[in-house]
Amino acid sequence: MAFFIKIYKDNPNPTEINKVVDVLKKGGLVIYPTDTVYGLGCDITNTKAVEKIARIKGIKLEKANFSFICNDLSHLSDYVKQIDTPTYKLLKRALPGPYTFILPGSKSLPKVFKKKKTVGIRVPDNTIARAIVEALGNPIISTSIYDEDDVLEYTTDPELIFEKWQHLVDGVIDGGFGDNYASTIIDLTVAEPVVIREGKGSLDIL
């Protein structure tokens, strides 16, 4: 049975954060709040968990464009090729925030992502998400929770999310109502930044 746990973003309780981290370390899947929509995540180093997310999403792992959720930019060099100063300044300006930046992947990507030329990096402006990543010690792989409803693209109520997902995941965090706008996706692998999807993040940062 999946857990349903309330965590307050103003002051995330370390005991509750550690409960979530224990589940992730054992290969569990967790739905958690971000600064945009709720995300489905797992430990980036656990291949079986990453494969499970791909299966749930109904996509082949090699074609999946999952985001790497980081708590700051210190993990960047682990997964991203060296970037120039203007790119780094843009990341510093925008993060933490509702953006996903596509960057060139490095040779040290986890085995499951070795064939990936690019990675999507996220540092959400949400203390719960960042506290989980910090306690885990490495990023989590993440994908948005979509809804089959034609009108509501994303479910925002954590109780409804739990109702729907409890048999597919190991836990759902109630971090309050989520947003209905996804992150803005910006490709930084080309000469000039390219907006792939305009979401919650303002384009004024460019």
Protein backbone atom coordinates (compact mmCIF):
# COMPACT_ATOMS: atom_id res chain seq x y z
CA MET A 1 0.00 0.00 0.00
CA ALA A 2 1.38 3.39 -0.99
CA PHE A 3 1.94 6.01 1.70
CA PHE A 4 0.21 9.41 1.67
CA ILE A 5 2.18 11.95 3.65
CA LYS A 6 1.60 15.64 4.33
CA ILE A 7 4.75 17.78 4.19
CA TYR A 8 4.67 21.55 4.64
CA LYS A 9 6.81 23.45 2.16
CA ASP A 10 7.42 26.34 4.58
CA ASN A 11 9.33 24.01 6.85
CA PRO A 12 9.72 20.44 5.54
CA ASN A 13 10.00 17.97 8.43
CA PRO A 14 13.35 16.11 8.09
CA THR A 15 11.83 12.90 9.53
CA GLU A 16 9.17 12.86 6.83
CA ILE A 17 11.69 13.79 4.13
CA ASN A 18 13.86 10.85 5.23
CA LYS A 19 10.88 8.48 5.01
CA VAL A 20 10.49 9.49 1.38
CA VAL A 21 14.23 9.16 0.73
CA ASP A 22 14.25 5.62 2.22
CA VAL A 23 11.54 4.60 -0.25
CA LEU A 24 13.48 6.15 -3.16
CA LYS A 25 16.71 4.39 -2.10
CA LYS A 26 14.86 1.06 -2.20
CA GLY A 27 13.81 1.69 -5.80
CA GLY A 28 10.40 3.15 -5.01
CA LEU A 29 8.42 5.65 -7.09
CA VAL A 30 7.12 8.80 -5.41
CA ILE A 31 4.78 11.57 -6.55
CA TYR A 32 5.90 14.89 -5.14
CA PRO A 33 5.17 18.63 -5.47
CA THR A 34 7.26 21.06 -7.51
CA ASP A 35 6.87 24.77 -8.27
CA THR A 36 4.69 23.77 -11.25
CA VAL A 37 2.75 20.50 -11.58
CA TYR A 38 3.12 17.37 -9.45
CA GLY A 39 5.91 15.07 -10.61
CA LEU A 40 6.50 11.33 -10.60
CA GLY A 41 10.07 10.62 -9.58
CA CYS A 42 12.65 7.99 -8.63
CA ASP A 43 16.33 7.78 -7.73
CA ILE A 44 18.41 8.56 -10.84
CA THR A 45 20.87 5.76 -9.95
CA ASN A 46 18.21 3.03 -9.80
CA THR A 47 17.82 1.59 -13.32
CA LYS A 48 14.84 -0.63 -12.45
CA ALA A 49 12.93 2.31 -10.99
CA VAL A 50 13.66 4.45 -14.07
CA GLU A 51 12.47 1.60 -16.32
CA LYS A 52 9.29 1.32 -14.25
CA ILE A 53 8.49 5.02 -14.80
CA ALA A 54 8.99 4.56 -18.55
CA ARG A 55 6.59 1.57 -18.48
CA ILE A 56 3.96 3.56 -16.55
CA LYS A 57 4.26 6.38 -19.10
CA GLY A 58 4.02 3.85 -21.94
CA ILE A 59 7.25 4.97 -23.59
CA LYS A 60 10.53 3.32 -24.51
CA LEU A 61 13.27 4.32 -22.09
CA GLU A 62 15.65 5.41 -24.86
CA LYS A 63 12.98 7.78 -26.17
CA ALA A 64 11.98 9.15 -22.75
CA ASN A 65 12.78 12.79 -22.00
CA PHE A 66 12.83 12.76 -18.23
CA SER A 67 14.00 15.76 -16.21
CA PHE A 68 16.84 15.57 -13.70
CA ILE A 69 15.59 17.28 -10.52
CA CYS A 70 18.54 18.88 -8.68
CA ASN A 71 18.59 20.87 -5.44
CA ASP A 72 21.10 23.38 -6.86
CA LEU A 73 23.64 23.65 -9.67
CA SER A 74 26.38 21.71 -7.86
CA HIS A 75 25.40 18.42 -9.58
CA LEU A 76 25.64 20.02 -12.99
CA SER A 77 29.18 18.87 -13.80
CA ASP A 78 28.19 15.26 -12.99
CA TYR A 79 25.70 15.11 -15.85
CA VAL A 80 26.36 18.04 -18.18
CA LYS A 81 29.32 18.85 -20.45
CA GLN A 82 31.21 22.01 -19.59
CA ILE A 83 29.06 25.04 -20.36
CA ASP A 84 30.13 28.58 -21.17
CA THR A 85 29.84 31.55 -18.81
CA PRO A 86 26.74 33.17 -20.42
CA THR A 87 24.86 29.83 -20.15
CA TYR A 88 25.87 29.42 -16.50
CA LYS A 89 24.80 33.01 -15.73
CA LEU A 90 21.40 32.33 -17.32
CA LEU A 91 20.96 29.20 -15.16
CA LYS A 92 21.93 31.16 -12.04
CA ARG A 93 19.41 33.86 -12.95
CA ALA A 94 16.54 31.47 -13.58
CA LEU A 95 17.01 28.81 -10.92
CA PRO A 96 15.49 27.78 -8.62
CA GLY A 97 12.43 28.37 -10.79
CA PRO A 98 9.79 26.86 -13.10
CA TYR A 99 12.18 26.03 -15.94
CA THR A 100 13.61 22.92 -17.57
CA PHE A 101 16.90 23.62 -19.35
CA ILE A 102 18.08 21.22 -22.05
CA LEU A 103 21.86 20.93 -21.85
CA PRO A 104 24.49 18.69 -23.50
CA GLY A 105 24.85 15.42 -21.56
CA SER A 106 28.29 14.38 -20.30
CA LYS A 107 30.02 11.00 -20.54
CA SER A 108 29.38 10.36 -16.85
CA LEU A 109 25.59 10.03 -17.18
CA PRO A 110 24.11 6.99 -15.39
CA LYS A 111 24.28 3.82 -17.54
CA VAL A 112 20.59 3.95 -18.40
CA PHE A 113 21.07 7.38 -20.05
CA LYS A 114 24.42 6.71 -21.75
CA LYS A 115 22.98 7.14 -25.26
CA LYS A 116 21.44 10.49 -24.40
CA LYS A 117 23.05 13.48 -26.11
CA THR A 118 21.10 15.97 -23.99
CA VAL A 119 19.57 16.16 -20.51
CA GLY A 120 16.79 18.30 -19.05
CA ILE A 121 17.87 19.98 -15.80
CA ARG A 122 15.33 21.27 -13.25
CA VAL A 123 15.89 23.06 -9.93
CA PRO A 124 12.32 23.70 -8.77
CA ASP A 125 11.50 26.58 -6.46
CA ASN A 126 9.94 24.15 -3.99
CA THR A 127 11.57 23.37 -0.66
CA ILE A 128 10.06 19.85 -0.43
CA ALA A 129 11.42 18.70 -3.79
CA ARG A 130 14.86 20.20 -3.11
CA ALA A 131 15.02 18.78 0.44
CA ILE A 132 14.32 15.28 -0.93
CA VAL A 133 17.11 15.57 -3.51
CA GLU A 134 19.53 16.99 -0.95
CA ALA A 135 18.83 14.17 1.53
CA LEU A 136 19.05 11.54 -1.23
CA GLY A 137 22.45 12.88 -2.33
CA ASN A 138 21.77 12.80 -6.06
CA PRO A 139 19.08 14.00 -8.49
CA ILE A 140 15.77 12.29 -9.01
CA ILE A 141 14.43 11.45 -12.45
CA SER A 142 11.08 13.07 -12.96
CA THR A 143 8.14 13.29 -15.31
CA SER A 144 4.90 15.28 -14.99
CA ILE A 145 1.65 13.69 -13.85
CA TYR A 146 -0.71 14.06 -16.78
CA ASP A 147 -4.46 13.67 -16.63
CA GLU A 148 -6.66 11.93 -19.16
CA ASP A 149 -9.25 14.68 -18.73
CA ASP A 150 -9.49 16.85 -21.87
CA VAL A 151 -10.02 20.04 -19.90
CA LEU A 152 -7.67 19.54 -16.95
CA GLU A 153 -4.25 18.66 -18.29
CA TYR A 154 -2.82 18.17 -14.80
CA THR A 155 -4.41 17.04 -11.55
CA THR A 156 -3.68 19.65 -8.87
CA ASP A 157 -5.30 18.03 -5.80
CA PRO A 158 -2.90 15.62 -4.03
CA GLU A 159 -5.79 13.58 -2.58
CA LEU A 160 -7.16 12.95 -6.08
CA ILE A 161 -3.64 12.12 -7.27
CA PHE A 162 -3.32 9.55 -4.48
CA GLU A 163 -6.72 8.06 -5.33
CA LYS A 164 -5.68 7.59 -8.93
CA TRP A 165 -2.02 6.58 -8.54
CA GLN A 166 -1.82 4.66 -5.24
CA HIS A 167 -1.61 1.25 -6.95
CA LEU A 168 1.13 2.35 -9.36
CA VAL A 169 3.51 4.16 -7.01
CA ASP A 170 4.98 3.69 -3.54
CA GLY A 171 3.97 7.05 -2.13
CA VAL A 172 2.35 10.41 -2.70
CA ILE A 173 3.40 13.60 -0.91
CA ASP A 174 0.70 16.13 -0.11
CA GLY A 175 2.52 19.43 -0.44
CA GLY A 176 -0.62 21.45 -1.02
CA PHE A 177 -2.40 22.10 -4.29
CA GLY A 178 -0.18 21.91 -7.37
CA ASP A 179 -0.14 24.25 -10.33
CA ASN A 180 -1.84 23.60 -13.65
CA TYR A 181 1.03 25.02 -15.72
CA ALA A 182 4.10 22.97 -16.54
CA SER A 183 7.64 24.33 -16.61
CA THR A 184 8.99 26.42 -19.47
CA ILE A 185 11.44 24.30 -21.49
CA ILE A 186 14.46 26.08 -22.99
CA ASP A 187 17.05 24.39 -25.20
CA LEU A 188 20.56 25.66 -24.45
CA THR A 189 22.41 23.20 -26.69
CA VAL A 190 22.28 25.55 -29.68
CA ALA A 191 23.90 28.95 -30.34
CA GLU A 192 20.88 30.95 -29.15
CA PRO A 193 18.38 29.70 -26.52
CA VAL A 194 15.32 28.08 -28.13
CA VAL A 195 11.98 27.96 -26.27
CA ILE A 196 10.59 24.43 -26.74
CA ARG A 197 7.54 24.97 -24.54
CA GLU A 198 6.29 28.13 -22.91
CA GLY A 199 4.95 27.27 -19.48
CA LYS A 200 4.95 28.91 -16.07
CA GLY A 201 8.46 30.40 -16.33
CA SER A 202 8.66 33.90 -17.78
CA LEU A 203 10.80 34.43 -20.88
CA ASP A 204 12.16 37.70 -19.43
CA ILE A 205 15.22 35.76 -18.23
CA LEU A 206 16.49 35.39 -21.81
